mmCIF file of all heavy atoms, coordinates in Angstrom:
data_MODEL
# 
_entry.id   MODEL 
# 
loop_
_atom_site.group_PDB 
_atom_site.id 
_atom_site.type_symbol 
_atom_site.label_atom_id 
_atom_site.label_alt_id 
_atom_site.label_comp_id 
_atom_site.label_asym_id 
_atom_site.label_entity_id 
_atom_site.label_seq_id 
_atom_site.pdbx_PDB_ins_code 
_atom_site.Cartn_x 
_atom_site.Cartn_y 
_atom_site.Cartn_z 
_atom_site.occupancy 
_atom_site.B_iso_or_equiv 
_atom_site.pdbx_formal_charge 
_atom_site.auth_seq_id 
_atom_site.auth_comp_id 
_atom_site.auth_asym_id 
_atom_site.auth_atom_id 
_atom_site.pdbx_PDB_model_num 
ATOM 1   N N   . LEU A 1 1  ? -36.665 -69.976 -31.479 1.00 0.00 ? 1  LEU A N   1 
ATOM 2   C CA  . LEU A 1 1  ? -37.680 -69.171 -30.806 1.00 0.00 ? 1  LEU A CA  1 
ATOM 3   C C   . LEU A 1 1  ? -37.698 -69.447 -29.304 1.00 0.00 ? 1  LEU A C   1 
ATOM 4   O O   . LEU A 1 1  ? -37.947 -68.561 -28.501 1.00 0.00 ? 1  LEU A O   1 
ATOM 5   C CB  . LEU A 1 1  ? -39.052 -69.438 -31.423 1.00 0.00 ? 1  LEU A CB  1 
ATOM 6   C CG  . LEU A 1 1  ? -40.226 -68.610 -30.931 1.00 0.00 ? 1  LEU A CG  1 
ATOM 7   C CD1 . LEU A 1 1  ? -39.943 -67.130 -31.099 1.00 0.00 ? 1  LEU A CD1 1 
ATOM 8   C CD2 . LEU A 1 1  ? -41.488 -68.980 -31.681 1.00 0.00 ? 1  LEU A CD2 1 
ATOM 9   N N   . TYR A 1 2  ? -37.386 -70.678 -28.912 1.00 0.00 ? 2  TYR A N   1 
ATOM 10  C CA  . TYR A 1 2  ? -37.348 -71.037 -27.493 1.00 0.00 ? 2  TYR A CA  1 
ATOM 11  C C   . TYR A 1 2  ? -36.391 -70.144 -26.706 1.00 0.00 ? 2  TYR A C   1 
ATOM 12  O O   . TYR A 1 2  ? -36.503 -69.997 -25.485 1.00 0.00 ? 2  TYR A O   1 
ATOM 13  C CB  . TYR A 1 2  ? -36.909 -72.497 -27.325 1.00 0.00 ? 2  TYR A CB  1 
ATOM 14  C CG  . TYR A 1 2  ? -35.434 -72.664 -27.608 1.00 0.00 ? 2  TYR A CG  1 
ATOM 15  C CD1 . TYR A 1 2  ? -34.490 -72.539 -26.605 1.00 0.00 ? 2  TYR A CD1 1 
ATOM 16  C CD2 . TYR A 1 2  ? -34.982 -72.867 -28.912 1.00 0.00 ? 2  TYR A CD2 1 
ATOM 17  C CE1 . TYR A 1 2  ? -33.132 -72.637 -26.874 1.00 0.00 ? 2  TYR A CE1 1 
ATOM 18  C CE2 . TYR A 1 2  ? -33.630 -72.958 -29.190 1.00 0.00 ? 2  TYR A CE2 1 
ATOM 19  C CZ  . TYR A 1 2  ? -32.717 -72.838 -28.171 1.00 0.00 ? 2  TYR A CZ  1 
ATOM 20  O OH  . TYR A 1 2  ? -31.383 -72.903 -28.437 1.00 0.00 ? 2  TYR A OH  1 
ATOM 21  N N   . ALA A 1 3  ? -35.422 -69.541 -27.379 1.00 0.00 ? 3  ALA A N   1 
ATOM 22  C CA  . ALA A 1 3  ? -34.411 -68.732 -26.697 1.00 0.00 ? 3  ALA A CA  1 
ATOM 23  C C   . ALA A 1 3  ? -35.036 -67.572 -25.932 1.00 0.00 ? 3  ALA A C   1 
ATOM 24  O O   . ALA A 1 3  ? -34.463 -67.098 -24.956 1.00 0.00 ? 3  ALA A O   1 
ATOM 25  C CB  . ALA A 1 3  ? -33.379 -68.220 -27.697 1.00 0.00 ? 3  ALA A CB  1 
ATOM 26  N N   . TYR A 1 4  ? -36.201 -67.101 -26.374 1.00 0.00 ? 4  TYR A N   1 
ATOM 27  C CA  . TYR A 1 4  ? -36.876 -66.045 -25.624 1.00 0.00 ? 4  TYR A CA  1 
ATOM 28  C C   . TYR A 1 4  ? -37.172 -66.508 -24.203 1.00 0.00 ? 4  TYR A C   1 
ATOM 29  O O   . TYR A 1 4  ? -37.013 -65.753 -23.247 1.00 0.00 ? 4  TYR A O   1 
ATOM 30  C CB  . TYR A 1 4  ? -38.188 -65.640 -26.299 1.00 0.00 ? 4  TYR A CB  1 
ATOM 31  C CG  . TYR A 1 4  ? -38.026 -64.630 -27.386 1.00 0.00 ? 4  TYR A CG  1 
ATOM 32  C CD1 . TYR A 1 4  ? -38.167 -64.989 -28.711 1.00 0.00 ? 4  TYR A CD1 1 
ATOM 33  C CD2 . TYR A 1 4  ? -37.742 -63.296 -27.092 1.00 0.00 ? 4  TYR A CD2 1 
ATOM 34  C CE1 . TYR A 1 4  ? -38.034 -64.053 -29.721 1.00 0.00 ? 4  TYR A CE1 1 
ATOM 35  C CE2 . TYR A 1 4  ? -37.613 -62.359 -28.093 1.00 0.00 ? 4  TYR A CE2 1 
ATOM 36  C CZ  . TYR A 1 4  ? -37.762 -62.744 -29.408 1.00 0.00 ? 4  TYR A CZ  1 
ATOM 37  O OH  . TYR A 1 4  ? -37.629 -61.825 -30.408 1.00 0.00 ? 4  TYR A OH  1 
ATOM 38  N N   . ALA A 1 5  ? -37.636 -67.739 -24.060 1.00 0.00 ? 5  ALA A N   1 
ATOM 39  C CA  . ALA A 1 5  ? -37.956 -68.257 -22.725 1.00 0.00 ? 5  ALA A CA  1 
ATOM 40  C C   . ALA A 1 5  ? -36.698 -68.340 -21.865 1.00 0.00 ? 5  ALA A C   1 
ATOM 41  O O   . ALA A 1 5  ? -36.705 -67.962 -20.687 1.00 0.00 ? 5  ALA A O   1 
ATOM 42  C CB  . ALA A 1 5  ? -38.625 -69.620 -22.828 1.00 0.00 ? 5  ALA A CB  1 
ATOM 43  N N   . TRP A 1 6  ? -35.616 -68.841 -22.427 1.00 0.00 ? 6  TRP A N   1 
ATOM 44  C CA  . TRP A 1 6  ? -34.365 -68.944 -21.691 1.00 0.00 ? 6  TRP A CA  1 
ATOM 45  C C   . TRP A 1 6  ? -33.834 -67.549 -21.358 1.00 0.00 ? 6  TRP A C   1 
ATOM 46  O O   . TRP A 1 6  ? -33.387 -67.293 -20.235 1.00 0.00 ? 6  TRP A O   1 
ATOM 47  C CB  . TRP A 1 6  ? -33.354 -69.749 -22.500 1.00 0.00 ? 6  TRP A CB  1 
ATOM 48  C CG  . TRP A 1 6  ? -32.069 -69.971 -21.783 1.00 0.00 ? 6  TRP A CG  1 
ATOM 49  C CD1 . TRP A 1 6  ? -30.824 -69.636 -22.232 1.00 0.00 ? 6  TRP A CD1 1 
ATOM 50  C CD2 . TRP A 1 6  ? -31.863 -70.573 -20.498 1.00 0.00 ? 6  TRP A CD2 1 
ATOM 51  N NE1 . TRP A 1 6  ? -29.863 -69.994 -21.304 1.00 0.00 ? 6  TRP A NE1 1 
ATOM 52  C CE2 . TRP A 1 6  ? -30.482 -70.564 -20.229 1.00 0.00 ? 6  TRP A CE2 1 
ATOM 53  C CE3 . TRP A 1 6  ? -32.722 -71.107 -19.540 1.00 0.00 ? 6  TRP A CE3 1 
ATOM 54  C CZ2 . TRP A 1 6  ? -29.936 -71.066 -19.053 1.00 0.00 ? 6  TRP A CZ2 1 
ATOM 55  C CZ3 . TRP A 1 6  ? -32.175 -71.608 -18.363 1.00 0.00 ? 6  TRP A CZ3 1 
ATOM 56  C CH2 . TRP A 1 6  ? -30.795 -71.591 -18.137 1.00 0.00 ? 6  TRP A CH2 1 
ATOM 57  N N   . SER A 1 7  ? -33.902 -66.628 -22.302 1.00 0.00 ? 7  SER A N   1 
ATOM 58  C CA  . SER A 1 7  ? -33.459 -65.252 -22.059 1.00 0.00 ? 7  SER A CA  1 
ATOM 59  C C   . SER A 1 7  ? -34.248 -64.621 -20.921 1.00 0.00 ? 7  SER A C   1 
ATOM 60  O O   . SER A 1 7  ? -33.696 -63.891 -20.099 1.00 0.00 ? 7  SER A O   1 
ATOM 61  C CB  . SER A 1 7  ? -33.627 -64.400 -23.310 1.00 0.00 ? 7  SER A CB  1 
ATOM 62  O OG  . SER A 1 7  ? -32.806 -64.852 -24.334 1.00 0.00 ? 7  SER A OG  1 
ATOM 63  N N   . ARG A 1 8  ? -35.545 -64.883 -20.892 1.00 0.00 ? 8  ARG A N   1 
ATOM 64  C CA  . ARG A 1 8  ? -36.401 -64.330 -19.840 1.00 0.00 ? 8  ARG A CA  1 
ATOM 65  C C   . ARG A 1 8  ? -35.954 -64.819 -18.465 1.00 0.00 ? 8  ARG A C   1 
ATOM 66  O O   . ARG A 1 8  ? -35.873 -64.045 -17.513 1.00 0.00 ? 8  ARG A O   1 
ATOM 67  C CB  . ARG A 1 8  ? -37.860 -64.714 -20.090 1.00 0.00 ? 8  ARG A CB  1 
ATOM 68  C CG  . ARG A 1 8  ? -38.833 -64.043 -19.151 1.00 0.00 ? 8  ARG A CG  1 
ATOM 69  C CD  . ARG A 1 8  ? -40.285 -64.343 -19.510 1.00 0.00 ? 8  ARG A CD  1 
ATOM 70  N NE  . ARG A 1 8  ? -40.577 -63.967 -20.878 1.00 0.00 ? 8  ARG A NE  1 
ATOM 71  C CZ  . ARG A 1 8  ? -41.002 -64.826 -21.814 1.00 0.00 ? 8  ARG A CZ  1 
ATOM 72  N NH1 . ARG A 1 8  ? -41.191 -66.091 -21.527 1.00 0.00 ? 8  ARG A NH1 1 
ATOM 73  N NH2 . ARG A 1 8  ? -41.247 -64.414 -23.037 1.00 0.00 ? 8  ARG A NH2 1 
ATOM 74  N N   . GLU A 1 9  ? -35.631 -66.096 -18.368 1.00 0.00 ? 9  GLU A N   1 
ATOM 75  C CA  . GLU A 1 9  ? -35.173 -66.637 -17.078 1.00 0.00 ? 9  GLU A CA  1 
ATOM 76  C C   . GLU A 1 9  ? -33.830 -66.047 -16.671 1.00 0.00 ? 9  GLU A C   1 
ATOM 77  O O   . GLU A 1 9  ? -33.618 -65.712 -15.508 1.00 0.00 ? 9  GLU A O   1 
ATOM 78  C CB  . GLU A 1 9  ? -35.108 -68.163 -17.136 1.00 0.00 ? 9  GLU A CB  1 
ATOM 79  C CG  . GLU A 1 9  ? -36.467 -68.821 -17.290 1.00 0.00 ? 9  GLU A CG  1 
ATOM 80  C CD  . GLU A 1 9  ? -37.497 -68.322 -16.283 1.00 0.00 ? 9  GLU A CD  1 
ATOM 81  O OE1 . GLU A 1 9  ? -37.178 -68.300 -15.068 1.00 0.00 ? 9  GLU A OE1 1 
ATOM 82  O OE2 . GLU A 1 9  ? -38.603 -67.937 -16.693 1.00 0.00 ? 9  GLU A OE2 1 
ATOM 83  N N   . LEU A 1 10 ? -32.922 -65.929 -17.619 1.00 0.00 ? 10 LEU A N   1 
ATOM 84  C CA  . LEU A 1 10 ? -31.625 -65.327 -17.326 1.00 0.00 ? 10 LEU A CA  1 
ATOM 85  C C   . LEU A 1 10 ? -31.788 -63.866 -16.892 1.00 0.00 ? 10 LEU A C   1 
ATOM 86  O O   . LEU A 1 10 ? -31.150 -63.417 -15.933 1.00 0.00 ? 10 LEU A O   1 
ATOM 87  C CB  . LEU A 1 10 ? -30.704 -65.416 -18.540 1.00 0.00 ? 10 LEU A CB  1 
ATOM 88  C CG  . LEU A 1 10 ? -30.283 -66.816 -18.965 1.00 0.00 ? 10 LEU A CG  1 
ATOM 89  C CD1 . LEU A 1 10 ? -29.517 -66.761 -20.290 1.00 0.00 ? 10 LEU A CD1 1 
ATOM 90  C CD2 . LEU A 1 10 ? -29.458 -67.495 -17.891 1.00 0.00 ? 10 LEU A CD2 1 
ATOM 91  N N   . ALA A 1 11 ? -32.647 -63.139 -17.587 1.00 0.00 ? 11 ALA A N   1 
ATOM 92  C CA  . ALA A 1 11 ? -32.872 -61.730 -17.265 1.00 0.00 ? 11 ALA A CA  1 
ATOM 93  C C   . ALA A 1 11 ? -33.473 -61.575 -15.874 1.00 0.00 ? 11 ALA A C   1 
ATOM 94  O O   . ALA A 1 11 ? -33.075 -60.683 -15.111 1.00 0.00 ? 11 ALA A O   1 
ATOM 95  C CB  . ALA A 1 11 ? -33.771 -61.087 -18.315 1.00 0.00 ? 11 ALA A CB  1 
ATOM 96  N N   . LYS A 1 12 ? -34.416 -62.418 -15.528 1.00 0.00 ? 12 LYS A N   1 
ATOM 97  C CA  . LYS A 1 12 ? -35.015 -62.352 -14.192 1.00 0.00 ? 12 LYS A CA  1 
ATOM 98  C C   . LYS A 1 12 ? -33.970 -62.631 -13.116 1.00 0.00 ? 12 LYS A C   1 
ATOM 99  O O   . LYS A 1 12 ? -33.959 -61.993 -12.065 1.00 0.00 ? 12 LYS A O   1 
ATOM 100 C CB  . LYS A 1 12 ? -36.173 -63.338 -14.067 1.00 0.00 ? 12 LYS A CB  1 
ATOM 101 C CG  . LYS A 1 12 ? -37.409 -62.908 -14.809 1.00 0.00 ? 12 LYS A CG  1 
ATOM 102 C CD  . LYS A 1 12 ? -38.503 -63.953 -14.675 1.00 0.00 ? 12 LYS A CD  1 
ATOM 103 C CE  . LYS A 1 12 ? -39.739 -63.567 -15.445 1.00 0.00 ? 12 LYS A CE  1 
ATOM 104 N NZ  . LYS A 1 12 ? -40.781 -64.595 -15.327 1.00 0.00 ? 12 LYS A NZ  1 
ATOM 105 N N   . THR A 1 13 ? -33.087 -63.566 -13.380 1.00 0.00 ? 13 THR A N   1 
ATOM 106 C CA  . THR A 1 13 ? -32.018 -63.879 -12.432 1.00 0.00 ? 13 THR A CA  1 
ATOM 107 C C   . THR A 1 13 ? -31.107 -62.676 -12.229 1.00 0.00 ? 13 THR A C   1 
ATOM 108 O O   . THR A 1 13 ? -30.778 -62.308 -11.102 1.00 0.00 ? 13 THR A O   1 
ATOM 109 C CB  . THR A 1 13 ? -31.203 -65.091 -12.930 1.00 0.00 ? 13 THR A CB  1 
ATOM 110 O OG1 . THR A 1 13 ? -32.077 -66.214 -13.039 1.00 0.00 ? 13 THR A OG1 1 
ATOM 111 C CG2 . THR A 1 13 ? -30.066 -65.418 -11.993 1.00 0.00 ? 13 THR A CG2 1 
ATOM 112 N N   . VAL A 1 14 ? -30.687 -62.043 -13.316 1.00 0.00 ? 14 VAL A N   1 
ATOM 113 C CA  . VAL A 1 14 ? -29.817 -60.872 -13.236 1.00 0.00 ? 14 VAL A CA  1 
ATOM 114 C C   . VAL A 1 14 ? -30.550 -59.711 -12.557 1.00 0.00 ? 14 VAL A C   1 
ATOM 115 O O   . VAL A 1 14 ? -29.976 -58.993 -11.731 1.00 0.00 ? 14 VAL A O   1 
ATOM 116 C CB  . VAL A 1 14 ? -29.313 -60.475 -14.637 1.00 0.00 ? 14 VAL A CB  1 
ATOM 117 C CG1 . VAL A 1 14 ? -28.697 -59.088 -14.643 1.00 0.00 ? 14 VAL A CG1 1 
ATOM 118 C CG2 . VAL A 1 14 ? -28.318 -61.508 -15.138 1.00 0.00 ? 14 VAL A CG2 1 
ATOM 119 N N   . PHE A 1 15 ? -31.823 -59.536 -12.873 1.00 0.00 ? 15 PHE A N   1 
ATOM 120 C CA  . PHE A 1 15 ? -32.585 -58.408 -12.325 1.00 0.00 ? 15 PHE A CA  1 
ATOM 121 C C   . PHE A 1 15 ? -32.763 -58.521 -10.812 1.00 0.00 ? 15 PHE A C   1 
ATOM 122 O O   . PHE A 1 15 ? -32.951 -57.501 -10.134 1.00 0.00 ? 15 PHE A O   1 
ATOM 123 C CB  . PHE A 1 15 ? -33.936 -58.288 -13.027 1.00 0.00 ? 15 PHE A CB  1 
ATOM 124 C CG  . PHE A 1 15 ? -34.612 -56.977 -12.793 1.00 0.00 ? 15 PHE A CG  1 
ATOM 125 C CD1 . PHE A 1 15 ? -34.083 -55.814 -13.328 1.00 0.00 ? 15 PHE A CD1 1 
ATOM 126 C CD2 . PHE A 1 15 ? -35.761 -56.892 -12.035 1.00 0.00 ? 15 PHE A CD2 1 
ATOM 127 C CE1 . PHE A 1 15 ? -34.691 -54.590 -13.109 1.00 0.00 ? 15 PHE A CE1 1 
ATOM 128 C CE2 . PHE A 1 15 ? -36.378 -55.680 -11.809 1.00 0.00 ? 15 PHE A CE2 1 
ATOM 129 C CZ  . PHE A 1 15 ? -35.845 -54.519 -12.351 1.00 0.00 ? 15 PHE A CZ  1 
ATOM 130 N N   . GLN A 1 16 ? -32.681 -59.731 -10.280 1.00 0.00 ? 16 GLN A N   1 
ATOM 131 C CA  . GLN A 1 16 ? -32.782 -59.899 -8.829  1.00 0.00 ? 16 GLN A CA  1 
ATOM 132 C C   . GLN A 1 16 ? -31.725 -59.072 -8.105  1.00 0.00 ? 16 GLN A C   1 
ATOM 133 O O   . GLN A 1 16 ? -31.968 -58.546 -7.020  1.00 0.00 ? 16 GLN A O   1 
ATOM 134 C CB  . GLN A 1 16 ? -32.661 -61.376 -8.442  1.00 0.00 ? 16 GLN A CB  1 
ATOM 135 C CG  . GLN A 1 16 ? -33.867 -62.214 -8.827  1.00 0.00 ? 16 GLN A CG  1 
ATOM 136 C CD  . GLN A 1 16 ? -35.150 -61.681 -8.233  1.00 0.00 ? 16 GLN A CD  1 
ATOM 137 O OE1 . GLN A 1 16 ? -35.224 -61.365 -7.057  1.00 0.00 ? 16 GLN A OE1 1 
ATOM 138 N NE2 . GLN A 1 16 ? -36.176 -61.580 -9.067  1.00 0.00 ? 16 GLN A NE2 1 
ATOM 139 N N   . ARG A 1 17 ? -30.554 -58.945 -8.703  1.00 0.00 ? 17 ARG A N   1 
ATOM 140 C CA  . ARG A 1 17 ? -29.514 -58.129 -8.065  1.00 0.00 ? 17 ARG A CA  1 
ATOM 141 C C   . ARG A 1 17 ? -29.938 -56.667 -8.013  1.00 0.00 ? 17 ARG A C   1 
ATOM 142 O O   . ARG A 1 17 ? -29.686 -55.972 -7.022  1.00 0.00 ? 17 ARG A O   1 
ATOM 143 C CB  . ARG A 1 17 ? -28.173 -58.282 -8.788  1.00 0.00 ? 17 ARG A CB  1 
ATOM 144 C CG  . ARG A 1 17 ? -27.100 -57.436 -8.136  1.00 0.00 ? 17 ARG A CG  1 
ATOM 145 C CD  . ARG A 1 17 ? -25.716 -57.718 -8.608  1.00 0.00 ? 17 ARG A CD  1 
ATOM 146 N NE  . ARG A 1 17 ? -24.812 -56.692 -8.082  1.00 0.00 ? 17 ARG A NE  1 
ATOM 147 C CZ  . ARG A 1 17 ? -23.589 -56.515 -8.508  1.00 0.00 ? 17 ARG A CZ  1 
ATOM 148 N NH1 . ARG A 1 17 ? -23.073 -57.310 -9.430  1.00 0.00 ? 17 ARG A NH1 1 
ATOM 149 N NH2 . ARG A 1 17 ? -22.842 -55.552 -8.009  1.00 0.00 ? 17 ARG A NH2 1 
ATOM 150 N N   . PHE A 1 18 ? -30.592 -56.184 -9.063  1.00 0.00 ? 18 PHE A N   1 
ATOM 151 C CA  . PHE A 1 18 ? -31.070 -54.802 -9.050  1.00 0.00 ? 18 PHE A CA  1 
ATOM 152 C C   . PHE A 1 18 ? -32.183 -54.629 -8.020  1.00 0.00 ? 18 PHE A C   1 
ATOM 153 O O   . PHE A 1 18 ? -32.257 -53.600 -7.349  1.00 0.00 ? 18 PHE A O   1 
ATOM 154 C CB  . PHE A 1 18 ? -31.539 -54.375 -10.443 1.00 0.00 ? 18 PHE A CB  1 
ATOM 155 C CG  . PHE A 1 18 ? -30.405 -54.050 -11.347 1.00 0.00 ? 18 PHE A CG  1 
ATOM 156 C CD1 . PHE A 1 18 ? -29.889 -55.008 -12.215 1.00 0.00 ? 18 PHE A CD1 1 
ATOM 157 C CD2 . PHE A 1 18 ? -29.824 -52.799 -11.333 1.00 0.00 ? 18 PHE A CD2 1 
ATOM 158 C CE1 . PHE A 1 18 ? -28.828 -54.718 -13.041 1.00 0.00 ? 18 PHE A CE1 1 
ATOM 159 C CE2 . PHE A 1 18 ? -28.760 -52.496 -12.161 1.00 0.00 ? 18 PHE A CE2 1 
ATOM 160 C CZ  . PHE A 1 18 ? -28.261 -53.457 -13.010 1.00 0.00 ? 18 PHE A CZ  1 
ATOM 161 N N   . LYS A 1 19 ? -33.014 -55.629 -7.873  1.00 0.00 ? 19 LYS A N   1 
ATOM 162 C CA  . LYS A 1 19 ? -34.055 -55.555 -6.845  1.00 0.00 ? 19 LYS A CA  1 
ATOM 163 C C   . LYS A 1 19 ? -33.418 -55.479 -5.451  1.00 0.00 ? 19 LYS A C   1 
ATOM 164 O O   . LYS A 1 19 ? -33.890 -54.750 -4.586  1.00 0.00 ? 19 LYS A O   1 
ATOM 165 C CB  . LYS A 1 19 ? -34.980 -56.763 -6.919  1.00 0.00 ? 19 LYS A CB  1 
ATOM 166 C CG  . LYS A 1 19 ? -35.969 -56.701 -8.050  1.00 0.00 ? 19 LYS A CG  1 
ATOM 167 C CD  . LYS A 1 19 ? -36.847 -57.934 -8.001  1.00 0.00 ? 19 LYS A CD  1 
ATOM 168 C CE  . LYS A 1 19 ? -38.063 -57.791 -8.853  1.00 0.00 ? 19 LYS A CE  1 
ATOM 169 N NZ  . LYS A 1 19 ? -38.922 -58.986 -8.768  1.00 0.00 ? 19 LYS A NZ  1 
ATOM 170 N N   . ARG A 1 20 ? -32.365 -56.222 -5.271  1.00 0.00 ? 20 ARG A N   1 
ATOM 171 C CA  . ARG A 1 20 ? -31.670 -56.244 -3.984  1.00 0.00 ? 20 ARG A CA  1 
ATOM 172 C C   . ARG A 1 20 ? -30.906 -54.944 -3.734  1.00 0.00 ? 20 ARG A C   1 
ATOM 173 O O   . ARG A 1 20 ? -30.978 -54.360 -2.662  1.00 0.00 ? 20 ARG A O   1 
ATOM 174 C CB  . ARG A 1 20 ? -30.707 -57.432 -3.937  1.00 0.00 ? 20 ARG A CB  1 
ATOM 175 C CG  . ARG A 1 20 ? -30.006 -57.601 -2.583  1.00 0.00 ? 20 ARG A CG  1 
ATOM 176 C CD  . ARG A 1 20 ? -28.918 -58.647 -2.630  1.00 0.00 ? 20 ARG A CD  1 
ATOM 177 N NE  . ARG A 1 20 ? -27.773 -58.094 -3.361  1.00 0.00 ? 20 ARG A NE  1 
ATOM 178 C CZ  . ARG A 1 20 ? -27.050 -58.770 -4.236  1.00 0.00 ? 20 ARG A CZ  1 
ATOM 179 N NH1 . ARG A 1 20 ? -27.316 -60.032 -4.504  1.00 0.00 ? 20 ARG A NH1 1 
ATOM 180 N NH2 . ARG A 1 20 ? -26.033 -58.201 -4.854  1.00 0.00 ? 20 ARG A NH2 1 
ATOM 181 N N   . ASP A 1 21 ? -30.161 -54.472 -4.748  1.00 0.00 ? 21 ASP A N   1 
ATOM 182 C CA  . ASP A 1 21 ? -29.286 -53.314 -4.589  1.00 0.00 ? 21 ASP A CA  1 
ATOM 183 C C   . ASP A 1 21 ? -29.988 -51.981 -4.840  1.00 0.00 ? 21 ASP A C   1 
ATOM 184 O O   . ASP A 1 21 ? -29.458 -50.935 -4.473  1.00 0.00 ? 21 ASP A O   1 
ATOM 185 C CB  . ASP A 1 21 ? -28.100 -53.397 -5.553  1.00 0.00 ? 21 ASP A CB  1 
ATOM 186 C CG  . ASP A 1 21 ? -27.207 -54.587 -5.291  1.00 0.00 ? 21 ASP A CG  1 
ATOM 187 O OD1 . ASP A 1 21 ? -27.372 -55.262 -4.258  1.00 0.00 ? 21 ASP A OD1 1 
ATOM 188 O OD2 . ASP A 1 21 ? -26.334 -54.863 -6.150  1.00 0.00 ? 21 ASP A OD2 1 
ATOM 189 N N   . GLY A 1 22 ? -31.122 -52.021 -5.510  1.00 0.00 ? 22 GLY A N   1 
ATOM 190 C CA  . GLY A 1 22 ? -31.834 -50.803 -5.905  1.00 0.00 ? 22 GLY A CA  1 
ATOM 191 C C   . GLY A 1 22 ? -31.894 -50.725 -7.417  1.00 0.00 ? 22 GLY A C   1 
ATOM 192 O O   . GLY A 1 22 ? -30.871 -50.905 -8.085  1.00 0.00 ? 22 GLY A O   1 
ATOM 193 N N   . LEU A 1 23 ? -33.077 -50.441 -7.935  1.00 0.00 ? 23 LEU A N   1 
ATOM 194 C CA  . LEU A 1 23 ? -33.273 -50.455 -9.390  1.00 0.00 ? 23 LEU A CA  1 
ATOM 195 C C   . LEU A 1 23 ? -32.386 -49.462 -10.129 1.00 0.00 ? 23 LEU A C   1 
ATOM 196 O O   . LEU A 1 23 ? -32.041 -49.686 -11.280 1.00 0.00 ? 23 LEU A O   1 
ATOM 197 C CB  . LEU A 1 23 ? -34.733 -50.165 -9.743  1.00 0.00 ? 23 LEU A CB  1 
ATOM 198 C CG  . LEU A 1 23 ? -35.754 -51.184 -9.285  1.00 0.00 ? 23 LEU A CG  1 
ATOM 199 C CD1 . LEU A 1 23 ? -37.139 -50.787 -9.783  1.00 0.00 ? 23 LEU A CD1 1 
ATOM 200 C CD2 . LEU A 1 23 ? -35.398 -52.573 -9.755  1.00 0.00 ? 23 LEU A CD2 1 
ATOM 201 N N   . PHE A 1 24 ? -32.021 -48.387 -9.463  1.00 0.00 ? 24 PHE A N   1 
ATOM 202 C CA  . PHE A 1 24 ? -31.236 -47.349 -10.123 1.00 0.00 ? 24 PHE A CA  1 
ATOM 203 C C   . PHE A 1 24 ? -29.864 -47.194 -9.467  1.00 0.00 ? 24 PHE A C   1 
ATOM 204 O O   . PHE A 1 24 ? -29.263 -46.129 -9.530  1.00 0.00 ? 24 PHE A O   1 
ATOM 205 C CB  . PHE A 1 24 ? -32.007 -46.028 -10.118 1.00 0.00 ? 24 PHE A CB  1 
ATOM 206 C CG  . PHE A 1 24 ? -33.389 -46.175 -10.707 1.00 0.00 ? 24 PHE A CG  1 
ATOM 207 C CD1 . PHE A 1 24 ? -34.507 -46.164 -9.890  1.00 0.00 ? 24 PHE A CD1 1 
ATOM 208 C CD2 . PHE A 1 24 ? -33.569 -46.365 -12.060 1.00 0.00 ? 24 PHE A CD2 1 
ATOM 209 C CE1 . PHE A 1 24 ? -35.775 -46.317 -10.424 1.00 0.00 ? 24 PHE A CE1 1 
ATOM 210 C CE2 . PHE A 1 24 ? -34.826 -46.520 -12.607 1.00 0.00 ? 24 PHE A CE2 1 
ATOM 211 C CZ  . PHE A 1 24 ? -35.937 -46.497 -11.785 1.00 0.00 ? 24 PHE A CZ  1 
ATOM 212 N N   . ASN A 1 25 ? -29.376 -48.278 -8.874  1.00 0.00 ? 25 ASN A N   1 
ATOM 213 C CA  . ASN A 1 25 ? -28.084 -48.258 -8.205  1.00 0.00 ? 25 ASN A CA  1 
ATOM 214 C C   . ASN A 1 25 ? -26.964 -48.129 -9.235  1.00 0.00 ? 25 ASN A C   1 
ATOM 215 O O   . ASN A 1 25 ? -26.807 -48.971 -10.112 1.00 0.00 ? 25 ASN A O   1 
ATOM 216 C CB  . ASN A 1 25 ? -27.904 -49.536 -7.378  1.00 0.00 ? 25 ASN A CB  1 
ATOM 217 C CG  . ASN A 1 25 ? -26.621 -49.548 -6.604  1.00 0.00 ? 25 ASN A CG  1 
ATOM 218 O OD1 . ASN A 1 25 ? -25.533 -49.597 -7.185  1.00 0.00 ? 25 ASN A OD1 1 
ATOM 219 N ND2 . ASN A 1 25 ? -26.734 -49.524 -5.284  1.00 0.00 ? 25 ASN A ND2 1 
ATOM 220 N N   . ARG A 1 26 ? -26.187 -47.057 -9.110  1.00 0.00 ? 26 ARG A N   1 
ATOM 221 C CA  . ARG A 1 26 ? -25.140 -46.751 -10.081 1.00 0.00 ? 26 ARG A CA  1 
ATOM 222 C C   . ARG A 1 26 ? -24.069 -47.839 -10.139 1.00 0.00 ? 26 ARG A C   1 
ATOM 223 O O   . ARG A 1 26 ? -23.628 -48.233 -11.217 1.00 0.00 ? 26 ARG A O   1 
ATOM 224 C CB  . ARG A 1 26 ? -24.518 -45.404 -9.738  1.00 0.00 ? 26 ARG A CB  1 
ATOM 225 C CG  . ARG A 1 26 ? -23.467 -44.936 -10.679 1.00 0.00 ? 26 ARG A CG  1 
ATOM 226 C CD  . ARG A 1 26 ? -22.901 -43.582 -10.217 1.00 0.00 ? 26 ARG A CD  1 
ATOM 227 N NE  . ARG A 1 26 ? -22.212 -42.911 -11.271 1.00 0.00 ? 26 ARG A NE  1 
ATOM 228 C CZ  . ARG A 1 26 ? -22.780 -42.121 -12.179 1.00 0.00 ? 26 ARG A CZ  1 
ATOM 229 N NH1 . ARG A 1 26 ? -24.072 -41.909 -12.150 1.00 0.00 ? 26 ARG A NH1 1 
ATOM 230 N NH2 . ARG A 1 26 ? -22.055 -41.546 -13.116 1.00 0.00 ? 26 ARG A NH2 1 
ATOM 231 N N   . GLU A 1 27 ? -23.629 -48.328 -8.981  1.00 0.00 ? 27 GLU A N   1 
ATOM 232 C CA  . GLU A 1 27 ? -22.575 -49.347 -8.944  1.00 0.00 ? 27 GLU A CA  1 
ATOM 233 C C   . GLU A 1 27 ? -23.038 -50.655 -9.585  1.00 0.00 ? 27 GLU A C   1 
ATOM 234 O O   . GLU A 1 27 ? -22.273 -51.313 -10.301 1.00 0.00 ? 27 GLU A O   1 
ATOM 235 C CB  . GLU A 1 27 ? -22.104 -49.593 -7.508  1.00 0.00 ? 27 GLU A CB  1 
ATOM 236 C CG  . GLU A 1 27 ? -21.316 -48.433 -6.905  1.00 0.00 ? 27 GLU A CG  1 
ATOM 237 C CD  . GLU A 1 27 ? -22.217 -47.296 -6.402  1.00 0.00 ? 27 GLU A CD  1 
ATOM 238 O OE1 . GLU A 1 27 ? -23.416 -47.551 -6.098  1.00 0.00 ? 27 GLU A OE1 1 
ATOM 239 O OE2 . GLU A 1 27 ? -21.738 -46.152 -6.343  1.00 0.00 ? 27 GLU A OE2 1 
# 
């Protein structure tokens, strides 16, 4: 069950790139 917490941190890290590049950036 702890994996949800780890997944959340990984997802937030990856999502930072979308925040930087644009949420709907095709590339």
